Amino acid sequence: KKKSTIVEFDIVDTGGEKIVKNITLKSNWRDYYPIKPQIITNTRGEYC
């Protein structure tokens, strides 16, 4: 009810491919979020 995170990002259209850039995470309760993180696939095949 009282904890949330705002996720903002750009979708860049390069003419057929859409790329996510400039991700920002703002929270009213978490002390730390990474600055401008990228979405990757880790060694277990999970998105992170």
ModelCIF file with pLDDT and N, C-alpha, C, O atoms, coordinates in Angstrom:
data_MODEL
#
_entry.id   MODEL 
#
_entity.id                         1 
_entity.type                       polymer 
_entity.pdbx_number_of_molecules   1 
#
_entity_poly.entity_id                      1 
_entity_poly.type                           'polypeptide(L)' 
_entity_poly.nstd_linkage                   no 
_entity_poly.nstd_monomer                   no 
_entity_poly.pdbx_seq_one_letter_code       KKKSTIVEFDIVDTGGEKIVKNITLKSNWRDYYPIKPQIITNTRGEYC 
_entity_poly.pdbx_seq_one_letter_code_can   KKKSTIVEFDIVDTGGEKIVKNITLKSNWRDYYPIKPQIITNTRGEYC 
_entity_poly.pdbx_strand_id                 A 
#
loop_
_entity_poly_seq.entity_id 
_entity_poly_seq.num 
_entity_poly_seq.mon_id 
_entity_poly_seq.hetero 
1 1  LYS n 
1 2  LYS n 
1 3  LYS n 
1 4  SER n 
1 5  THR n 
1 6  ILE n 
1 7  VAL n 
1 8  GLU n 
1 9  PHE n 
1 10 ASP n 
1 11 ILE n 
1 12 VAL n 
1 13 ASP n 
1 14 THR n 
1 15 GLY n 
1 16 GLY n 
1 17 GLU n 
1 18 LYS n 
1 19 ILE n 
1 20 VAL n 
1 21 LYS n 
1 22 ASN n 
1 23 ILE n 
1 24 THR n 
1 25 LEU n 
1 26 LYS n 
1 27 SER n 
1 28 ASN n 
1 29 TRP n 
1 30 ARG n 
1 31 ASP n 
1 32 TYR n 
1 33 TYR n 
1 34 PRO n 
1 35 ILE n 
1 36 LYS n 
1 37 PRO n 
1 38 GLN n 
1 39 ILE n 
1 40 ILE n 
1 41 THR n 
1 42 ASN n 
1 43 THR n 
1 44 ARG n 
1 45 GLY n 
1 46 GLU n 
1 47 TYR n 
1 48 CYS n 
#
_struct_asym.id          A 
_struct_asym.entity_id   1 
#
loop_
_ma_qa_metric.id 
_ma_qa_metric.mode 
_ma_qa_metric.name 
_ma_qa_metric.software_group_id 
_ma_qa_metric.type 
1 global pLDDT . pLDDT 
2 local  pLDDT . pLDDT 
#
_ma_qa_metric_global.metric_id      1 
_ma_qa_metric_global.metric_value   89.29 
_ma_qa_metric_global.model_id       1 
_ma_qa_metric_global.ordinal_id     1 
#
loop_
_ma_qa_metric_local.label_asym_id 
_ma_qa_metric_local.label_comp_id 
_ma_qa_metric_local.label_seq_id 
_ma_qa_metric_local.metric_id 
_ma_qa_metric_local.metric_value 
_ma_qa_metric_local.model_id 
_ma_qa_metric_local.ordinal_id 
A LYS 1  2 86.00 1 1  
A LYS 2  2 90.00 1 2  
A LYS 3  2 91.00 1 3  
A SER 4  2 92.00 1 4  
A THR 5  2 92.00 1 5  
A ILE 6  2 93.00 1 6  
A VAL 7  2 95.00 1 7  
A GLU 8  2 96.00 1 8  
A PHE 9  2 96.00 1 9  
A ASP 10 2 95.00 1 10 
A ILE 11 2 93.00 1 11 
A VAL 12 2 93.00 1 12 
A ASP 13 2 88.00 1 13 
A THR 14 2 85.00 1 14 
A GLY 15 2 80.00 1 15 
A GLY 16 2 78.00 1 16 
A GLU 17 2 85.00 1 17 
A LYS 18 2 88.00 1 18 
A ILE 19 2 90.00 1 19 
A VAL 20 2 94.00 1 20 
A LYS 21 2 94.00 1 21 
A ASN 22 2 95.00 1 22 
A ILE 23 2 95.00 1 23 
A THR 24 2 93.00 1 24 
A LEU 25 2 92.00 1 25 
A LYS 26 2 91.00 1 26 
A SER 27 2 90.00 1 27 
A ASN 28 2 90.00 1 28 
A TRP 29 2 82.00 1 29 
A ARG 30 2 79.00 1 30 
A ASP 31 2 76.00 1 31 
A TYR 32 2 75.00 1 32 
A TYR 33 2 79.00 1 33 
A PRO 34 2 81.00 1 34 
A ILE 35 2 84.00 1 35 
A LYS 36 2 89.00 1 36 
A PRO 37 2 93.00 1 37 
A GLN 38 2 94.00 1 38 
A ILE 39 2 95.00 1 39 
A ILE 40 2 94.00 1 40 
A THR 41 2 92.00 1 41 
A ASN 42 2 89.00 1 42 
A THR 43 2 89.00 1 43 
A ARG 44 2 90.00 1 44 
A GLY 45 2 90.00 1 45 
A GLU 46 2 90.00 1 46 
A TYR 47 2 92.00 1 47 
A CYS 48 2 93.00 1 48 
#
loop_
_atom_site.group_PDB 
_atom_site.id 
_atom_site.type_symbol 
_atom_site.label_atom_id 
_atom_site.label_alt_id 
_atom_site.label_comp_id 
_atom_site.label_asym_id 
_atom_site.label_entity_id 
_atom_site.label_seq_id 
_atom_site.pdbx_PDB_ins_code 
_atom_site.Cartn_x 
_atom_site.Cartn_y 
_atom_site.Cartn_z 
_atom_site.occupancy 
_atom_site.B_iso_or_equiv 
_atom_site.pdbx_formal_charge 
_atom_site.auth_seq_id 
_atom_site.auth_comp_id 
_atom_site.auth_asym_id 
_atom_site.auth_atom_id 
_atom_site.pdbx_PDB_model_num 
ATOM 1   N N  . LYS A 1 1  ? 0.805  -1.218  0.000   1.00 86.00 ? 1  LYS A N  1 
ATOM 2   C CA . LYS A 1 1  ? 0.000  0.000   0.000   1.00 86.00 ? 1  LYS A CA 1 
ATOM 3   C C  . LYS A 1 1  ? 0.840  1.271   0.000   1.00 86.00 ? 1  LYS A C  1 
ATOM 4   O O  . LYS A 1 1  ? 0.438  2.268   -0.600  1.00 86.00 ? 1  LYS A O  1 
ATOM 5   N N  . LYS A 1 2  ? 2.000  1.259   0.660   1.00 90.00 ? 2  LYS A N  1 
ATOM 6   C CA . LYS A 1 2  ? 2.780  2.482   0.803   1.00 90.00 ? 2  LYS A CA 1 
ATOM 7   C C  . LYS A 1 2  ? 4.152  2.437   0.140   1.00 90.00 ? 2  LYS A C  1 
ATOM 8   O O  . LYS A 1 2  ? 4.861  3.444   0.134   1.00 90.00 ? 2  LYS A O  1 
ATOM 9   N N  . LYS A 1 3  ? 4.540  1.302   -0.414  1.00 91.00 ? 3  LYS A N  1 
ATOM 10  C CA . LYS A 1 3  ? 5.858  1.171   -1.020  1.00 91.00 ? 3  LYS A CA 1 
ATOM 11  C C  . LYS A 1 3  ? 5.718  1.034   -2.530  1.00 91.00 ? 3  LYS A C  1 
ATOM 12  O O  . LYS A 1 3  ? 4.953  0.206   -3.024  1.00 91.00 ? 3  LYS A O  1 
ATOM 13  N N  . SER A 1 4  ? 6.468  1.859   -3.255  1.00 92.00 ? 4  SER A N  1 
ATOM 14  C CA . SER A 1 4  ? 6.404  1.778   -4.713  1.00 92.00 ? 4  SER A CA 1 
ATOM 15  C C  . SER A 1 4  ? 7.711  2.244   -5.338  1.00 92.00 ? 4  SER A C  1 
ATOM 16  O O  . SER A 1 4  ? 8.526  2.915   -4.703  1.00 92.00 ? 4  SER A O  1 
ATOM 17  N N  . THR A 1 5  ? 7.885  1.870   -6.592  1.00 92.00 ? 5  THR A N  1 
ATOM 18  C CA . THR A 1 5  ? 9.018  2.304   -7.396  1.00 92.00 ? 5  THR A CA 1 
ATOM 19  C C  . THR A 1 5  ? 8.482  2.796   -8.731  1.00 92.00 ? 5  THR A C  1 
ATOM 20  O O  . THR A 1 5  ? 7.645  2.143   -9.352  1.00 92.00 ? 5  THR A O  1 
ATOM 21  N N  . ILE A 1 6  ? 8.966  3.946   -9.166  1.00 93.00 ? 6  ILE A N  1 
ATOM 22  C CA . ILE A 1 6  ? 8.643  4.474   -10.490 1.00 93.00 ? 6  ILE A CA 1 
ATOM 23  C C  . ILE A 1 6  ? 9.750  4.040   -11.436 1.00 93.00 ? 6  ILE A C  1 
ATOM 24  O O  . ILE A 1 6  ? 10.928 4.285   -11.174 1.00 93.00 ? 6  ILE A O  1 
ATOM 25  N N  . VAL A 1 7  ? 9.379  3.403   -12.523 1.00 95.00 ? 7  VAL A N  1 
ATOM 26  C CA . VAL A 1 7  ? 10.328 2.955   -13.541 1.00 95.00 ? 7  VAL A CA 1 
ATOM 27  C C  . VAL A 1 7  ? 10.107 3.821   -14.773 1.00 95.00 ? 7  VAL A C  1 
ATOM 28  O O  . VAL A 1 7  ? 9.015  3.836   -15.341 1.00 95.00 ? 7  VAL A O  1 
ATOM 29  N N  . GLU A 1 8  ? 11.149 4.544   -15.185 1.00 96.00 ? 8  GLU A N  1 
ATOM 30  C CA . GLU A 1 8  ? 11.090 5.388   -16.385 1.00 96.00 ? 8  GLU A CA 1 
ATOM 31  C C  . GLU A 1 8  ? 12.149 4.900   -17.363 1.00 96.00 ? 8  GLU A C  1 
ATOM 32  O O  . GLU A 1 8  ? 13.229 4.465   -16.962 1.00 96.00 ? 8  GLU A O  1 
ATOM 33  N N  . PHE A 1 9  ? 11.827 4.978   -18.654 1.00 96.00 ? 9  PHE A N  1 
ATOM 34  C CA . PHE A 1 9  ? 12.782 4.514   -19.657 1.00 96.00 ? 9  PHE A CA 1 
ATOM 35  C C  . PHE A 1 9  ? 12.427 5.082   -21.020 1.00 96.00 ? 9  PHE A C  1 
ATOM 36  O O  . PHE A 1 9  ? 11.295 5.503   -21.256 1.00 96.00 ? 9  PHE A O  1 
ATOM 37  N N  . ASP A 1 10 ? 13.415 5.088   -21.921 1.00 95.00 ? 10 ASP A N  1 
ATOM 38  C CA . ASP A 1 10 ? 13.224 5.485   -23.313 1.00 95.00 ? 10 ASP A CA 1 
ATOM 39  C C  . ASP A 1 10 ? 13.158 4.237   -24.174 1.00 95.00 ? 10 ASP A C  1 
ATOM 40  O O  . ASP A 1 10 ? 13.896 3.277   -23.956 1.00 95.00 ? 10 ASP A O  1 
ATOM 41  N N  . ILE A 1 11 ? 12.270 4.262   -25.150 1.00 93.00 ? 11 ILE A N  1 
ATOM 42  C CA . ILE A 1 11 ? 12.232 3.227   -26.177 1.00 93.00 ? 11 ILE A CA 1 
ATOM 43  C C  . ILE A 1 11 ? 12.734 3.894   -27.452 1.00 93.00 ? 11 ILE A C  1 
ATOM 44  O O  . ILE A 1 11 ? 12.092 4.798   -27.986 1.00 93.00 ? 11 ILE A O  1 
ATOM 45  N N  . VAL A 1 12 ? 13.873 3.444   -27.927 1.00 93.00 ? 12 VAL A N  1 
ATOM 46  C CA . VAL A 1 12 ? 14.498 4.023   -29.112 1.00 93.00 ? 12 VAL A CA 1 
ATOM 47  C C  . VAL A 1 12 ? 14.180 3.124   -30.297 1.00 93.00 ? 12 VAL A C  1 
ATOM 48  O O  . VAL A 1 12 ? 14.538 1.946   -30.304 1.00 93.00 ? 12 VAL A O  1 
ATOM 49  N N  . ASP A 1 13 ? 13.506 3.681   -31.299 1.00 88.00 ? 13 ASP A N  1 
ATOM 50  C CA . ASP A 1 13 ? 13.173 2.942   -32.520 1.00 88.00 ? 13 ASP A CA 1 
ATOM 51  C C  . ASP A 1 13 ? 14.262 3.232   -33.539 1.00 88.00 ? 13 ASP A C  1 
ATOM 52  O O  . ASP A 1 13 ? 14.442 4.373   -33.964 1.00 88.00 ? 13 ASP A O  1 
ATOM 53  N N  . THR A 1 14 ? 14.986 2.189   -33.928 1.00 85.00 ? 14 THR A N  1 
ATOM 54  C CA . THR A 1 14 ? 16.078 2.353   -34.882 1.00 85.00 ? 14 THR A CA 1 
ATOM 55  C C  . THR A 1 14 ? 15.683 1.901   -36.282 1.00 85.00 ? 14 THR A C  1 
ATOM 56  O O  . THR A 1 14 ? 16.542 1.597   -37.109 1.00 85.00 ? 14 THR A O  1 
ATOM 57  N N  . GLY A 1 15 ? 14.385 1.861   -36.541 1.00 80.00 ? 15 GLY A N  1 
ATOM 58  C CA . GLY A 1 15 ? 13.928 1.432   -37.861 1.00 80.00 ? 15 GLY A CA 1 
ATOM 59  C C  . GLY A 1 15 ? 13.741 -0.061  -37.924 1.00 80.00 ? 15 GLY A C  1 
ATOM 60  O O  . GLY A 1 15 ? 14.351 -0.731  -38.757 1.00 80.00 ? 15 GLY A O  1 
ATOM 61  N N  . GLY A 1 16 ? 12.918 -0.585  -37.067 1.00 78.00 ? 16 GLY A N  1 
ATOM 62  C CA . GLY A 1 16 ? 12.640 -2.016  -37.063 1.00 78.00 ? 16 GLY A CA 1 
ATOM 63  C C  . GLY A 1 16 ? 13.003 -2.673  -35.751 1.00 78.00 ? 16 GLY A C  1 
ATOM 64  O O  . GLY A 1 16 ? 12.420 -3.696  -35.391 1.00 78.00 ? 16 GLY A O  1 
ATOM 65  N N  . GLU A 1 17 ? 13.944 -2.111  -35.036 1.00 85.00 ? 17 GLU A N  1 
ATOM 66  C CA . GLU A 1 17 ? 14.327 -2.666  -33.734 1.00 85.00 ? 17 GLU A CA 1 
ATOM 67  C C  . GLU A 1 17 ? 14.079 -1.613  -32.666 1.00 85.00 ? 17 GLU A C  1 
ATOM 68  O O  . GLU A 1 17 ? 14.388 -0.435  -32.849 1.00 85.00 ? 17 GLU A O  1 
ATOM 69  N N  . LYS A 1 18 ? 13.512 -2.058  -31.539 1.00 88.00 ? 18 LYS A N  1 
ATOM 70  C CA . LYS A 1 18 ? 13.260 -1.151  -30.428 1.00 88.00 ? 18 LYS A CA 1 
ATOM 71  C C  . LYS A 1 18 ? 14.219 -1.497  -29.294 1.00 88.00 ? 18 LYS A C  1 
ATOM 72  O O  . LYS A 1 18 ? 14.303 -2.647  -28.862 1.00 88.00 ? 18 LYS A O  1 
ATOM 73  N N  . ILE A 1 19 ? 14.937 -0.485  -28.820 1.00 90.00 ? 19 ILE A N  1 
ATOM 74  C CA . ILE A 1 19 ? 15.951 -0.663  -27.790 1.00 90.00 ? 19 ILE A CA 1 
ATOM 75  C C  . ILE A 1 19 ? 15.559 0.158   -26.567 1.00 90.00 ? 19 ILE A C  1 
ATOM 76  O O  . ILE A 1 19 ? 15.144 1.310   -26.696 1.00 90.00 ? 19 ILE A O  1 
ATOM 77  N N  . VAL A 1 20 ? 15.691 -0.428  -25.386 1.00 94.00 ? 20 VAL A N  1 
ATOM 78  C CA . VAL A 1 20 ? 15.406 0.279   -24.137 1.00 94.00 ? 20 VAL A CA 1 
ATOM 79  C C  . VAL A 1 20 ? 16.683 0.952   -23.653 1.00 94.00 ? 20 VAL A C  1 
ATOM 80  O O  . VAL A 1 20 ? 17.730 0.313   -23.544 1.00 94.00 ? 20 VAL A O  1 
ATOM 81  N N  . LYS A 1 21 ? 16.588 2.254   -23.362 1.00 94.00 ? 21 LYS A N  1 
ATOM 82  C CA . LYS A 1 21 ? 17.739 3.020   -22.874 1.00 94.00 ? 21 LYS A CA 1 
ATOM 83  C C  . LYS A 1 21 ? 17.297 3.934   -21.751 1.00 94.00 ? 21 LYS A C  1 
ATOM 84  O O  . LYS A 1 21 ? 16.103 4.140   -21.534 1.00 94.00 ? 21 LYS A O  1 
ATOM 85  N N  . ASN A 1 22 ? 18.259 4.474   -21.046 1.00 95.00 ? 22 ASN A N  1 
ATOM 86  C CA . ASN A 1 22 ? 18.038 5.494   -20.016 1.00 95.00 ? 22 ASN A CA 1 
ATOM 87  C C  . ASN A 1 22 ? 17.013 5.060   -18.963 1.00 95.00 ? 22 ASN A C  1 
ATOM 88  O O  . ASN A 1 22 ? 16.091 5.810   -18.645 1.00 95.00 ? 22 ASN A O  1 
ATOM 89  N N  . ILE A 1 23 ? 17.176 3.872   -18.435 1.00 95.00 ? 23 ILE A N  1 
ATOM 90  C CA . ILE A 1 23 ? 16.275 3.371   -17.391 1.00 95.00 ? 23 ILE A CA 1 
ATOM 91  C C  . ILE A 1 23 ? 16.608 4.085   -16.080 1.00 95.00 ? 23 ILE A C  1 
ATOM 92  O O  . ILE A 1 23 ? 17.772 4.172   -15.689 1.00 95.00 ? 23 ILE A O  1 
ATOM 93  N N  . THR A 1 24 ? 15.576 4.593   -15.408 1.00 93.00 ? 24 THR A N  1 
ATOM 94  C CA . THR A 1 24 ? 15.753 5.167   -14.078 1.00 93.00 ? 24 THR A CA 1 
ATOM 95  C C  . THR A 1 24 ? 14.733 4.542   -13.136 1.00 93.00 ? 24 THR A C  1 
ATOM 96  O O  . THR A 1 24 ? 13.587 4.295   -13.511 1.00 93.00 ? 24 THR A O  1 
ATOM 97  N N  . LEU A 1 25 ? 15.163 4.297   -11.929 1.00 92.00 ? 25 LEU A N  1 
ATOM 98  C CA . LEU A 1 25 ? 14.320 3.692   -10.906 1.00 92.00 ? 25 LEU A CA 1 
ATOM 99  C C  . LEU A 1 25 ? 14.285 4.645   -9.712  1.00 92.00 ? 25 LEU A C  1 
ATOM 100 O O  . LEU A 1 25 ? 15.327 5.005   -9.165  1.00 92.00 ? 25 LEU A O  1 
ATOM 101 N N  . LYS A 1 26 ? 13.085 5.047   -9.313  1.00 91.00 ? 26 LYS A N  1 
ATOM 102 C CA . LYS A 1 26 ? 12.916 5.958   -8.176  1.00 91.00 ? 26 LYS A CA 1 
ATOM 103 C C  . LYS A 1 26 ? 11.963 5.304   -7.186  1.00 91.00 ? 26 LYS A C  1 
ATOM 104 O O  . LYS A 1 26 ? 10.853 4.905   -7.540  1.00 91.00 ? 26 LYS A O  1 
ATOM 105 N N  . SER A 1 27 ? 12.416 5.202   -5.938  1.00 90.00 ? 27 SER A N  1 
ATOM 106 C CA . SER A 1 27 ? 11.629 4.505   -4.931  1.00 90.00 ? 27 SER A CA 1 
ATOM 107 C C  . SER A 1 27 ? 11.347 5.413   -3.742  1.00 90.00 ? 27 SER A C  1 
ATOM 108 O O  . SER A 1 27 ? 12.156 6.272   -3.390  1.00 90.00 ? 27 SER A O  1 
ATOM 109 N N  . ASN A 1 28 ? 10.186 5.205   -3.133  1.00 90.00 ? 28 ASN A N  1 
ATOM 110 C CA . ASN A 1 28 ? 9.872  5.960   -1.921  1.00 90.00 ? 28 ASN A CA 1 
ATOM 111 C C  . ASN A 1 28 ? 10.296 5.200   -0.660  1.00 90.00 ? 28 ASN A C  1 
ATOM 112 O O  . ASN A 1 28 ? 10.036 5.650   0.456   1.00 90.00 ? 28 ASN A O  1 
ATOM 113 N N  . TRP A 1 29 ? 10.949 4.047   -0.840  1.00 82.00 ? 29 TRP A N  1 
ATOM 114 C CA . TRP A 1 29 ? 11.359 3.286   0.339   1.00 82.00 ? 29 TRP A CA 1 
ATOM 115 C C  . TRP A 1 29 ? 12.704 2.576   0.226   1.00 82.00 ? 29 TRP A C  1 
ATOM 116 O O  . TRP A 1 29 ? 13.326 2.270   1.243   1.00 82.00 ? 29 TRP A O  1 
ATOM 117 N N  . ARG A 1 30 ? 13.161 2.309   -1.000  1.00 79.00 ? 30 ARG A N  1 
ATOM 118 C CA . ARG A 1 30 ? 14.470 1.653   -1.150  1.00 79.00 ? 30 ARG A CA 1 
ATOM 119 C C  . ARG A 1 30 ? 15.579 2.709   -1.105  1.00 79.00 ? 30 ARG A C  1 
ATOM 120 O O  . ARG A 1 30 ? 15.452 3.786   -1.687  1.00 79.00 ? 30 ARG A O  1 
ATOM 121 N N  . ASP A 1 31 ? 16.647 2.385   -0.417  1.00 76.00 ? 31 ASP A N  1 
ATOM 122 C CA . ASP A 1 31 ? 17.774 3.316   -0.324  1.00 76.00 ? 31 ASP A CA 1 
ATOM 123 C C  . ASP A 1 31 ? 18.615 3.325   -1.591  1.00 76.00 ? 31 ASP A C  1 
ATOM 124 O O  . ASP A 1 31 ? 19.196 4.351   -1.946  1.00 76.00 ? 31 ASP A O  1 
ATOM 125 N N  . TYR A 1 32 ? 18.683 2.194   -2.271  1.00 75.00 ? 32 TYR A N  1 
ATOM 126 C CA . TYR A 1 32 ? 19.580 2.110   -3.422  1.00 75.00 ? 32 TYR A CA 1 
ATOM 127 C C  . TYR A 1 32 ? 18.924 1.388   -4.596  1.00 75.00 ? 32 TYR A C  1 
ATOM 128 O O  . TYR A 1 32 ? 18.298 0.339   -4.445  1.00 75.00 ? 32 TYR A O  1 
ATOM 129 N N  . TYR A 1 33 ? 19.087 1.976   -5.739  1.00 79.00 ? 33 TYR A N  1 
ATOM 130 C CA . TYR A 1 33 ? 18.816 1.330   -7.015  1.00 79.00 ? 33 TYR A CA 1 
ATOM 131 C C  . TYR A 1 33 ? 19.986 1.682   -7.924  1.00 79.00 ? 33 TYR A C  1 
ATOM 132 O O  . TYR A 1 33 ? 20.582 2.746   -7.760  1.00 79.00 ? 33 TYR A O  1 
ATOM 133 N N  . PRO A 1 34 ? 20.328 0.830   -8.866  1.00 81.00 ? 34 PRO A N  1 
ATOM 134 C CA . PRO A 1 34 ? 21.440 1.153   -9.763  1.00 81.00 ? 34 PRO A CA 1 
ATOM 135 C C  . PRO A 1 34 ? 21.108 2.378   -10.621 1.00 81.00 ? 34 PRO A C  1 
ATOM 136 O O  . PRO A 1 34 ? 19.951 2.610   -10.973 1.00 81.00 ? 34 PRO A O  1 
ATOM 137 N N  . ILE A 1 35 ? 22.129 3.144   -10.944 1.00 84.00 ? 35 ILE A N  1 
ATOM 138 C CA . ILE A 1 35 ? 21.964 4.325   -11.785 1.00 84.00 ? 35 ILE A CA 1 
ATOM 139 C C  . ILE A 1 35 ? 22.057 3.904   -13.248 1.00 84.00 ? 35 ILE A C  1 
ATOM 140 O O  . ILE A 1 35 ? 23.046 3.302   -13.664 1.00 84.00 ? 35 ILE A O  1 
ATOM 141 N N  . LYS A 1 36 ? 21.027 4.222   -14.023 1.00 89.00 ? 36 LYS A N  1 
ATOM 142 C CA . LYS A 1 36 ? 20.949 3.894   -15.457 1.00 89.00 ? 36 LYS A CA 1 
ATOM 143 C C  . LYS A 1 36 ? 21.347 2.444   -15.748 1.00 89.00 ? 36 LYS A C  1 
ATOM 144 O O  . LYS A 1 36 ? 22.288 2.201   -16.503 1.00 89.00 ? 36 LYS A O  1 
ATOM 145 N N  . PRO A 1 37 ? 20.640 1.488   -15.157 1.00 93.00 ? 37 PRO A N  1 
ATOM 146 C CA . PRO A 1 37 ? 20.972 0.081   -15.417 1.00 93.00 ? 37 PRO A CA 1 
ATOM 147 C C  . PRO A 1 37 ? 20.603 -0.331  -16.840 1.00 93.00 ? 37 PRO A C  1 
ATOM 148 O O  . PRO A 1 37 ? 19.798 0.320   -17.506 1.00 93.00 ? 37 PRO A O  1 
ATOM 149 N N  . GLN A 1 38 ? 21.197 -1.402  -17.278 1.00 94.00 ? 38 GLN A N  1 
ATOM 150 C CA . GLN A 1 38 ? 20.862 -2.011  -18.558 1.00 94.00 ? 38 GLN A CA 1 
ATOM 151 C C  . GLN A 1 38 ? 20.192 -3.345  -18.274 1.00 94.00 ? 38 GLN A C  1 
ATOM 152 O O  . GLN A 1 38 ? 20.433 -3.957  -17.234 1.00 94.00 ? 38 GLN A O  1 
ATOM 153 N N  . ILE A 1 39 ? 19.355 -3.794  -19.194 1.00 95.00 ? 39 ILE A N  1 
ATOM 154 C CA . ILE A 1 39 ? 18.743 -5.110  -19.074 1.00 95.00 ? 39 ILE A CA 1 
ATOM 155 C C  . ILE A 1 39 ? 19.661 -6.109  -19.768 1.00 95.00 ? 39 ILE A C  1 
ATOM 156 O O  . ILE A 1 39 ? 20.013 -5.945  -20.936 1.00 95.00 ? 39 ILE A O  1 
ATOM 157 N N  . ILE A 1 40 ? 20.042 -7.152  -19.024 1.00 94.00 ? 40 ILE A N  1 
ATOM 158 C CA . ILE A 1 40 ? 20.897 -8.195  -19.594 1.00 94.00 ? 40 ILE A CA 1 
ATOM 159 C C  . ILE A 1 40 ? 20.321 -9.561  -19.226 1.00 94.00 ? 40 ILE A C  1 
ATOM 160 O O  . ILE A 1 40 ? 19.385 -9.658  -18.432 1.00 94.00 ? 40 ILE A O  1 
ATOM 161 N N  . THR A 1 41 ? 20.885 -10.602 -19.805 1.00 92.00 ? 41 THR A N  1 
ATOM 162 C CA . THR A 1 41 ? 20.567 -11.973 -19.421 1.00 92.00 ? 41 THR A CA 1 
ATOM 163 C C  . THR A 1 41 ? 21.759 -12.499 -18.632 1.00 92.00 ? 41 THR A C  1 
ATOM 164 O O  . THR A 1 41 ? 22.891 -12.464 -19.114 1.00 92.00 ? 41 THR A O  1 
ATOM 165 N N  . ASN A 1 42 ? 21.507 -12.989 -17.415 1.00 89.00 ? 42 ASN A N  1 
ATOM 166 C CA . ASN A 1 42 ? 22.614 -13.479 -16.590 1.00 89.00 ? 42 ASN A CA 1 
ATOM 167 C C  . ASN A 1 42 ? 22.987 -14.914 -16.976 1.00 89.00 ? 42 ASN A C  1 
ATOM 168 O O  . ASN A 1 42 ? 22.428 -15.473 -17.920 1.00 89.00 ? 42 ASN A O  1 
ATOM 169 N N  . THR A 1 43 ? 23.916 -15.494 -16.252 1.00 89.00 ? 43 THR A N  1 
ATOM 170 C CA . THR A 1 43 ? 24.416 -16.835 -16.587 1.00 89.00 ? 43 THR A CA 1 
ATOM 171 C C  . THR A 1 43 ? 23.357 -17.915 -16.408 1.00 89.00 ? 43 THR A C  1 
ATOM 172 O O  . THR A 1 43 ? 23.489 -18.998 -16.979 1.00 89.00 ? 43 THR A O  1 
ATOM 173 N N  . ARG A 1 44 ? 22.310 -17.648 -15.630 1.00 90.00 ? 44 ARG A N  1 
ATOM 174 C CA . ARG A 1 44 ? 21.209 -18.609 -15.453 1.00 90.00 ? 44 ARG A CA 1 
ATOM 175 C C  . ARG A 1 44 ? 20.100 -18.408 -16.497 1.00 90.00 ? 44 ARG A C  1 
ATOM 176 O O  . ARG A 1 44 ? 19.088 -19.109 -16.478 1.00 90.00 ? 44 ARG A O  1 
ATOM 177 N N  . GLY A 1 45 ? 20.300 -17.450 -17.399 1.00 90.00 ? 45 GLY A N  1 
ATOM 178 C CA . GLY A 1 45 ? 19.310 -17.202 -18.439 1.00 90.00 ? 45 GLY A CA 1 
ATOM 179 C C  . GLY A 1 45 ? 18.164 -16.304 -17.998 1.00 90.00 ? 45 GLY A C  1 
ATOM 180 O O  . GLY A 1 45 ? 17.155 -16.203 -18.696 1.00 90.00 ? 45 GLY A O  1 
ATOM 181 N N  . GLU A 1 46 ? 18.305 -15.647 -16.841 1.00 90.00 ? 46 GLU A N  1 
ATOM 182 C CA . GLU A 1 46 ? 17.271 -14.758 -16.333 1.00 90.00 ? 46 GLU A CA 1 
ATOM 183 C C  . GLU A 1 46 ? 17.588 -13.320 -16.733 1.00 90.00 ? 46 GLU A C  1 
ATOM 184 O O  . GLU A 1 46 ? 18.750 -12.924 -16.825 1.00 90.00 ? 46 GLU A O  1 
ATOM 185 N N  . TYR A 1 47 ? 16.536 -12.554 -16.967 1.00 92.00 ? 47 TYR A N  1 
ATOM 186 C CA . TYR A 1 47 ? 16.745 -11.130 -17.197 1.00 92.00 ? 47 TYR A CA 1 
ATOM 187 C C  . TYR A 1 47 ? 17.054 -10.462 -15.872 1.00 92.00 ? 47 TYR A C  1 
ATOM 188 O O  . TYR A 1 47 ? 16.470 -10.802 -14.843 1.00 92.00 ? 47 TYR A O  1 
ATOM 189 N N  . CYS A 1 48 ? 17.978 -9.505  -15.902 1.00 93.00 ? 48 CYS A N  1 
ATOM 190 C CA . CYS A 1 48 ? 18.292 -8.747  -14.703 1.00 93.00 ? 48 CYS A CA 1 
ATOM 191 C C  . CYS A 1 48 ? 18.793 -7.368  -15.114 1.00 93.00 ? 48 CYS A C  1 
ATOM 192 O O  . CYS A 1 48 ? 19.120 -6.549  -14.256 1.00 93.00 ? 48 CYS A O  1 
#
